[in-house]
């Protein structure tokens, strides 16, 4: 009889974890995608103001506008720009391409595009670390196993790297996806209580802690 109750309890915890994952995943994924596109837009603007006459910058702008109107078309255009451009513009185009694939709903395509950036030896830190982080995030959305995602981005959560807090937030989300509600709550609690963590991330973590610990959820 005890085994039956334990199985029911485990099933209820799993259902609750799935419900919370469904409720909050788009929030965190959306925030991460917005950060990347905003960062890319800022770098693009710097390049644009420094060398408006260069054809590569013009091509980037054309592809950017195409992406606003149609994410898949914009991603294709950015892929073309990345092949023709050089230096920072090529890197920017590749990040834009991956971000637009994510916005279009192609999580697997986005994960592969980010992973290609992370594996490219010519991409320097912190951009390769950012690409690795986003490859893990969108890979999780695309169906990669939680264990694979932990192995991929776990090292980014350590030390003082610029993406450490984002990596910790995603790893907490991985625990939630994996049904490890106590681990997820503890990870989000550490983020919420960390005075150095970004304020918006602390707010998200605090809300998720309350959601995880509320018996009514």
C-alpha atoms as a PDB file:
ATOM      1  CA  UNK A   1       0.000   0.000   0.000  1.00  0.00           C
ATOM      2  CA  UNK A   2       2.859   2.387   0.816  1.00  0.00           C
ATOM      3  CA  UNK A   3       4.233   1.866  -2.678  1.00  0.00           C
ATOM      4  CA  UNK A   4       0.935   2.964  -4.201  1.00  0.00           C
ATOM      5  CA  UNK A   5       0.883   6.188  -2.176  1.00  0.00           C
ATOM      6  CA  UNK A   6       4.486   6.892  -3.078  1.00  0.00           C
ATOM      7  CA  UNK A   7       3.753   6.411  -6.781  1.00  0.00           C
ATOM      8  CA  UNK A   8       0.751   8.726  -6.584  1.00  0.00           C
ATOM      9  CA  UNK A   9       2.812  11.361  -4.776  1.00  0.00           C
ATOM     10  CA  UNK A  10       5.590  11.162  -7.368  1.00  0.00           C
ATOM     11  CA  UNK A  11       3.062  11.454 -10.189  1.00  0.00           C
ATOM     12  CA  UNK A  12       1.521  14.538  -8.587  1.00  0.00           C
ATOM     13  CA  UNK A  13       4.936  16.179  -8.175  1.00  0.00           C
ATOM     14  CA  UNK A  14       5.771  15.405 -11.791  1.00  0.00           C
ATOM     15  CA  UNK A  15       2.481  16.888 -13.002  1.00  0.00           C
ATOM     16  CA  UNK A  16       3.037  20.017 -10.927  1.00  0.00           C
ATOM     17  CA  UNK A  17       6.585  20.422 -12.227  1.00  0.00           C
ATOM     18  CA  UNK A  18       5.331  20.107 -15.805  1.00  0.00           C
ATOM     19  CA  UNK A  19       2.635  22.692 -15.141  1.00  0.00           C
ATOM     20  CA  UNK A  20       5.134  25.167 -13.705  1.00  0.00           C
ATOM     21  CA  UNK A  21       7.578  24.505 -16.562  1.00  0.00           C
ATOM     22  CA  UNK A  22       4.846  25.206 -19.100  1.00  0.00           C
ATOM     23  CA  UNK A  23       3.824  28.352 -17.239  1.00  0.00           C
ATOM     24  CA  UNK A  24       7.260  29.922 -16.828  1.00  0.00           C
ATOM     25  CA  UNK A  25       9.499  28.571 -19.585  1.00  0.00           C
ATOM     26  CA  UNK A  26       8.375  31.027 -22.280  1.00  0.00           C
ATOM     27  CA  UNK A  27       8.966  33.869 -19.840  1.00  0.00           C
ATOM     28  CA  UNK A  28      12.614  32.993 -19.273  1.00  0.00           C
ATOM     29  CA  UNK A  29      13.265  31.918 -22.863  1.00  0.00           C
ATOM     30  CA  UNK A  30      11.710  35.155 -24.092  1.00  0.00           C
ATOM     31  CA  UNK A  31      13.847  37.230 -21.766  1.00  0.00           C
ATOM     32  CA  UNK A  32      17.006  35.465 -22.921  1.00  0.00           C
ATOM     33  CA  UNK A  33      16.146  35.920 -26.599  1.00  0.00           C
ATOM     34  CA  UNK A  34      15.333  39.575 -26.053  1.00  0.00           C
ATOM     35  CA  UNK A  35      18.678  40.141 -24.337  1.00  0.00           C
ATOM     36  CA  UNK A  36      20.557  38.638 -27.275  1.00  0.00           C
ATOM     37  CA  UNK A  37      18.672  40.593 -29.912  1.00  0.00           C
ATOM     38  CA  UNK A  38      18.970  43.804 -27.911  1.00  0.00           C
ATOM     39  CA  UNK A  39      22.716  43.259 -27.502  1.00  0.00           C
ATOM     40  CA  UNK A  40      23.085  42.530 -31.189  1.00  0.00           C
ATOM     41  CA  UNK A  41      21.047  45.618 -32.053  1.00  0.00           C
ATOM     42  CA  UNK A  42      23.276  47.800 -29.871  1.00  0.00           C
ATOM     43  CA  UNK A  43      26.457  46.457 -31.454  1.00  0.00           C
ATOM     44  CA  UNK A  44      24.863  46.847 -34.871  1.00  0.00           C
ATOM     45  CA  UNK A  45      24.033  50.482 -34.137  1.00  0.00           C
ATOM     46  CA  UNK A  46      27.619  51.176 -33.080  1.00  0.00           C
ATOM     47  CA  UNK A  47      28.901  49.713 -36.333  1.00  0.00           C
ATOM     48  CA  UNK A  48      26.271  51.578 -38.325  1.00  0.00           C
ATOM     49  CA  UNK A  49      27.190  54.961 -36.873  1.00  0.00           C
ATOM     50  CA  UNK A  50      30.895  54.314 -37.352  1.00  0.00           C
ATOM     51  CA  UNK A  51      30.735  53.254 -41.011  1.00  0.00           C
ATOM     52  CA  UNK A  52      27.371  53.897 -42.617  1.00  0.00           C
ATOM     53  CA  UNK A  53      28.721  53.718 -46.153  1.00  0.00           C
ATOM     54  CA  UNK A  54      30.072  50.209 -45.947  1.00  0.00           C
ATOM     55  CA  UNK A  55      28.079  47.673 -47.937  1.00  0.00           C
ATOM     56  CA  UNK A  56      28.220  45.061 -45.191  1.00  0.00           C
ATOM     57  CA  UNK A  57      26.502  47.386 -42.768  1.00  0.00           C
ATOM     58  CA  UNK A  58      23.832  48.157 -45.342  1.00  0.00           C
ATOM     59  CA  UNK A  59      23.288  44.425 -45.900  1.00  0.00           C
ATOM     60  CA  UNK A  60      22.903  43.937 -42.152  1.00  0.00           C
ATOM     61  CA  UNK A  61      20.272  46.652 -41.999  1.00  0.00           C
ATOM     62  CA  UNK A  62      18.337  45.157 -44.908  1.00  0.00           C
ATOM     63  CA  UNK A  63      18.399  41.732 -43.228  1.00  0.00           C
ATOM     64  CA  UNK A  64      17.387  43.256 -39.896  1.00  0.00           C
ATOM     65  CA  UNK A  65      14.334  44.907 -41.415  1.00  0.00           C
ATOM     66  CA  UNK A  66      13.453  41.649 -43.182  1.00  0.00           C
ATOM     67  CA  UNK A  67      13.590  39.888 -39.819  1.00  0.00           C
ATOM     68  CA  UNK A  68      11.106  42.345 -38.317  1.00  0.00           C
ATOM     69  CA  UNK A  69       8.633  41.533 -41.056  1.00  0.00           C
ATOM     70  CA  UNK A  70       9.306  37.778 -41.296  1.00  0.00           C
ATOM     71  CA  UNK A  71      11.607  35.980 -38.862  1.00  0.00           C
ATOM     72  CA  UNK A  72      12.438  33.081 -41.205  1.00  0.00           C
ATOM     73  CA  UNK A  73      13.146  35.428 -44.107  1.00  0.00           C
ATOM     74  CA  UNK A  74      15.308  37.543 -41.841  1.00  0.00           C
ATOM     75  CA  UNK A  75      17.230  34.466 -40.656  1.00  0.00           C
ATOM     76  CA  UNK A  76      17.925  33.464 -44.263  1.00  0.00           C
ATOM     77  CA  UNK A  77      19.048  36.986 -45.053  1.00  0.00           C
ATOM     78  CA  UNK A  78      21.341  37.059 -42.011  1.00  0.00           C
ATOM     79  CA  UNK A  79      22.871  33.729 -43.043  1.00  0.00           C
ATOM     80  CA  UNK A  80      23.723  35.279 -46.391  1.00  0.00           C
ATOM     81  CA  UNK A  81      25.212  38.345 -44.745  1.00  0.00           C
ATOM     82  CA  UNK A  82      27.326  36.155 -42.439  1.00  0.00           C
ATOM     83  CA  UNK A  83      28.859  34.425 -45.466  1.00  0.00           C
ATOM     84  CA  UNK A  84      29.776  37.695 -47.157  1.00  0.00           C
ATOM     85  CA  UNK A  85      30.663  39.856 -44.143  1.00  0.00           C
ATOM     86  CA  UNK A  86      33.753  39.808 -41.986  1.00  0.00           C
ATOM     87  CA  UNK A  87      34.753  40.471 -38.399  1.00  0.00           C
ATOM     88  CA  UNK A  88      32.149  41.829 -36.045  1.00  0.00           C
ATOM     89  CA  UNK A  89      29.480  42.145 -38.726  1.00  0.00           C
ATOM     90  CA  UNK A  90      29.686  38.449 -39.576  1.00  0.00           C
ATOM     91  CA  UNK A  91      29.458  37.554 -35.891  1.00  0.00           C
ATOM     92  CA  UNK A  92      26.517  39.890 -35.428  1.00  0.00           C
ATOM     93  CA  UNK A  93      24.719  38.390 -38.407  1.00  0.00           C
ATOM     94  CA  UNK A  94      25.146  34.867 -37.030  1.00  0.00           C
ATOM     95  CA  UNK A  95      23.745  35.856 -33.642  1.00  0.00           C
ATOM     96  CA  UNK A  96      20.851  37.590 -35.342  1.00  0.00           C
ATOM     97  CA  UNK A  97      20.208  34.521 -37.503  1.00  0.00           C
ATOM     98  CA  UNK A  98      20.014  32.222 -34.465  1.00  0.00           C
ATOM     99  CA  UNK A  99      17.833  34.674 -32.540  1.00  0.00           C
ATOM    100  CA  UNK A 100      15.423  35.038 -35.431  1.00  0.00           C
ATOM    101  CA  UNK A 101      15.140  31.252 -35.773  1.00  0.00           C
ATOM    102  CA  UNK A 102      14.201  31.129 -32.090  1.00  0.00           C
ATOM    103  CA  UNK A 103      11.649  33.906 -32.555  1.00  0.00           C
ATOM    104  CA  UNK A 104      10.165  31.980 -35.466  1.00  0.00           C
ATOM    105  CA  UNK A 105       9.694  28.914 -33.258  1.00  0.00           C
ATOM    106  CA  UNK A 106      12.528  26.816 -34.709  1.00  0.00           C
ATOM    107  CA  UNK A 107      14.166  25.991 -31.380  1.00  0.00           C
ATOM    108  CA  UNK A 108      16.249  23.149 -32.788  1.00  0.00           C
ATOM    109  CA  UNK A 109      17.555  25.335 -35.595  1.00  0.00           C
ATOM    110  CA  UNK A 110      18.361  28.077 -33.099  1.00  0.00           C
ATOM    111  CA  UNK A 111      20.167  25.637 -30.784  1.00  0.00           C
ATOM    112  CA  UNK A 112      22.275  24.315 -33.663  1.00  0.00           C
ATOM    113  CA  UNK A 113      23.097  27.822 -34.859  1.00  0.00           C
ATOM    114  CA  UNK A 114      24.186  28.902 -31.384  1.00  0.00           C
ATOM    115  CA  UNK A 115      26.174  25.703 -30.885  1.00  0.00           C
ATOM    116  CA  UNK A 116      28.006  26.326 -34.171  1.00  0.00           C
ATOM    117  CA  UNK A 117      28.970  29.749 -32.854  1.00  0.00           C
ATOM    118  CA  UNK A 118      30.118  28.269 -29.545  1.00  0.00           C
ATOM    119  CA  UNK A 119      32.244  25.673 -31.353  1.00  0.00           C
ATOM    120  CA  UNK A 120      33.819  28.217 -33.709  1.00  0.00           C
ATOM    121  CA  UNK A 121      37.369  28.812 -32.517  1.00  0.00           C
ATOM    122  CA  UNK A 122      37.427  32.249 -34.109  1.00  0.00           C
ATOM    123  CA  UNK A 123      34.657  33.506 -31.800  1.00  0.00           C
ATOM    124  CA  UNK A 124      36.175  34.975 -28.672  1.00  0.00           C
ATOM    125  CA  UNK A 125      34.853  35.275 -25.140  1.00  0.00           C
ATOM    126  CA  UNK A 126      32.390  36.347 -23.970  1.00  0.00           C
ATOM    127  CA  UNK A 127      30.506  35.752 -27.218  1.00  0.00           C
ATOM    128  CA  UNK A 128      31.283  32.046 -27.473  1.00  0.00           C
ATOM    129  CA  UNK A 129      30.101  31.588 -23.873  1.00  0.00           C
ATOM    130  CA  UNK A 130      26.889  33.452 -24.665  1.00  0.00           C
ATOM    131  CA  UNK A 131      26.352  31.225 -27.690  1.00  0.00           C
ATOM    132  CA  UNK A 132      26.912  28.122 -25.556  1.00  0.00           C
ATOM    133  CA  UNK A 133      24.445  29.381 -22.972  1.00  0.00           C
ATOM    134  CA  UNK A 134      21.760  29.993 -25.583  1.00  0.00           C
ATOM    135  CA  UNK A 135      22.459  26.688 -27.298  1.00  0.00           C
ATOM    136  CA  UNK A 136      21.674  24.993 -24.001  1.00  0.00           C
ATOM    137  CA  UNK A 137      18.539  27.044 -23.405  1.00  0.00           C
ATOM    138  CA  UNK A 138      17.030  26.475 -26.817  1.00  0.00           C
ATOM    139  CA  UNK A 139      18.230  22.883 -26.858  1.00  0.00           C
ATOM    140  CA  UNK A 140      16.196  22.312 -23.721  1.00  0.00           C
ATOM    141  CA  UNK A 141      13.173  23.774 -25.508  1.00  0.00           C
ATOM    142  CA  UNK A 142      13.880  21.568 -28.529  1.00  0.00           C
ATOM    143  CA  UNK A 143      13.912  18.378 -26.464  1.00  0.00           C
ATOM    144  CA  UNK A 144      17.543  17.890 -25.433  1.00  0.00           C
ATOM    145  CA  UNK A 145      17.869  15.920 -22.217  1.00  0.00           C
ATOM    146  CA  UNK A 146      18.338  17.893 -18.990  1.00  0.00           C
ATOM    147  CA  UNK A 147      21.585  16.002 -18.401  1.00  0.00           C
ATOM    148  CA  UNK A 148      22.990  17.180 -21.746  1.00  0.00           C
ATOM    149  CA  UNK A 149      22.016  20.780 -21.020  1.00  0.00           C
ATOM    150  CA  UNK A 150      23.601  20.648 -17.547  1.00  0.00           C
ATOM    151  CA  UNK A 151      26.836  19.313 -19.026  1.00  0.00           C
ATOM    152  CA  UNK A 152      26.816  22.006 -21.706  1.00  0.00           C
ATOM    153  CA  UNK A 153      26.266  25.091 -19.594  1.00  0.00           C
ATOM    154  CA  UNK A 154      27.171  23.947 -16.089  1.00  0.00           C
ATOM    155  CA  UNK A 155      30.718  25.390 -16.275  1.00  0.00           C
ATOM    156  CA  UNK A 156      29.296  28.814 -17.180  1.00  0.00           C
ATOM    157  CA  UNK A 157      27.509  28.990 -13.825  1.00  0.00           C
ATOM    158  CA  UNK A 158      30.788  28.853 -11.910  1.00  0.00           C
ATOM    159  CA  UNK A 159      33.285  31.598 -11.311  1.00  0.00           C
ATOM    160  CA  UNK A 160      32.819  35.253 -12.211  1.00  0.00           C
ATOM    161  CA  UNK A 161      31.999  35.065 -15.915  1.00  0.00           C
ATOM    162  CA  UNK A 162      29.559  37.623 -17.345  1.00  0.00           C
ATOM    163  CA  UNK A 163      26.864  35.006 -18.027  1.00  0.00           C
ATOM    164  CA  UNK A 164      27.072  33.157 -14.715  1.00  0.00           C
ATOM    165  CA  UNK A 165      23.717  34.357 -13.419  1.00  0.00           C
ATOM    166  CA  UNK A 166      21.930  33.556 -16.657  1.00  0.00           C
ATOM    167  CA  UNK A 167      23.499  30.091 -16.562  1.00  0.00           C
ATOM    168  CA  UNK A 168      22.315  29.574 -12.974  1.00  0.00           C
ATOM    169  CA  UNK A 169      18.800  30.658 -13.902  1.00  0.00           C
ATOM    170  CA  UNK A 170      18.694  28.224 -16.809  1.00  0.00           C
ATOM    171  CA  UNK A 171      20.092  25.388 -14.696  1.00  0.00           C
ATOM    172  CA  UNK A 172      17.326  26.011 -12.165  1.00  0.00           C
ATOM    173  CA  UNK A 173      14.852  25.828 -15.019  1.00  0.00           C
ATOM    174  CA  UNK A 174      16.456  22.543 -16.099  1.00  0.00           C
ATOM    175  CA  UNK A 175      15.800  21.150 -12.616  1.00  0.00           C
ATOM    176  CA  UNK A 176      12.184  22.216 -12.939  1.00  0.00           C
ATOM    177  CA  UNK A 177      11.924  20.575 -16.358  1.00  0.00           C
ATOM    178  CA  UNK A 178      13.427  17.423 -14.842  1.00  0.00           C
ATOM    179  CA  UNK A 179      10.820  17.362 -12.054  1.00  0.00           C
ATOM    180  CA  UNK A 180      13.384  18.184  -9.340  1.00  0.00           C
ATOM    181  CA  UNK A 181      11.195  20.755  -7.632  1.00  0.00           C
ATOM    182  CA  UNK A 182      13.170  20.995  -4.375  1.00  0.00           C
ATOM    183  CA  UNK A 183      16.414  21.512  -6.288  1.00  0.00           C
ATOM    184  CA  UNK A 184      14.765  24.087  -8.551  1.00  0.00           C
ATOM    185  CA  UNK A 185      13.328  25.977  -5.578  1.00  0.00           C
ATOM    186  CA  UNK A 186      16.706  26.043  -3.841  1.00  0.00           C
ATOM    187  CA  UNK A 187      18.471  27.252  -6.991  1.00  0.00           C
ATOM    188  CA  UNK A 188      15.921  29.998  -7.561  1.00  0.00           C
ATOM    189  CA  UNK A 189      16.106  30.955  -3.870  1.00  0.00           C
ATOM    190  CA  UNK A 190      19.875  31.431  -4.120  1.00  0.00           C
ATOM    191  CA  UNK A 191      19.342  33.709  -7.099  1.00  0.00           C
ATOM    192  CA  UNK A 192      16.597  35.665  -5.348  1.00  0.00           C
ATOM    193  CA  UNK A 193      18.812  36.185  -2.290  1.00  0.00           C
ATOM    194  CA  UNK A 194      21.961  37.143  -4.197  1.00  0.00           C
ATOM    195  CA  UNK A 195      22.408  40.928  -3.909  1.00  0.00           C
ATOM    196  CA  UNK A 196      24.721  41.004  -6.937  1.00  0.00           C
ATOM    197  CA  UNK A 197      22.330  39.202  -9.294  1.00  0.00           C
ATOM    198  CA  UNK A 198      20.469  41.413 -11.807  1.00  0.00           C
ATOM    199  CA  UNK A 199      17.325  42.876 -10.197  1.00  0.00           C
ATOM    200  CA  UNK A 200      14.930  41.555 -12.845  1.00  0.00           C
ATOM    201  CA  UNK A 201      16.381  38.074 -12.464  1.00  0.00           C
ATOM    202  CA  UNK A 202      16.011  38.247  -8.694  1.00  0.00           C
ATOM    203  CA  UNK A 203      12.351  39.202  -9.139  1.00  0.00           C
ATOM    204  CA  UNK A 204      11.736  36.275 -11.499  1.00  0.00           C
ATOM    205  CA  UNK A 205      13.521  33.893  -9.133  1.00  0.00           C
ATOM    206  CA  UNK A 206      11.501  35.130  -6.162  1.00  0.00           C
ATOM    207  CA  UNK A 207       8.230  34.598  -8.000  1.00  0.00           C
ATOM    208  CA  UNK A 208       9.261  31.104  -9.009  1.00  0.00           C
ATOM    209  CA  UNK A 209      10.273  30.229  -5.450  1.00  0.00           C
ATOM    210  CA  UNK A 210       6.851  31.297  -4.237  1.00  0.00           C
ATOM    211  CA  UNK A 211       5.188  29.313  -7.022  1.00  0.00           C
ATOM    212  CA  UNK A 212       7.204  26.204  -6.225  1.00  0.00           C
ATOM    213  CA  UNK A 213       6.587  26.421  -2.500  1.00  0.00           C
ATOM    214  CA  UNK A 214       2.891  27.253  -2.712  1.00  0.00           C
ATOM    215  CA  UNK A 215       0.759  24.157  -2.041  1.00  0.00           C
ATOM    216  CA  UNK A 216      -1.998  25.601  -4.186  1.00  0.00           C
ATOM    217  CA  UNK A 217       0.057  25.630  -7.376  1.00  0.00           C
END
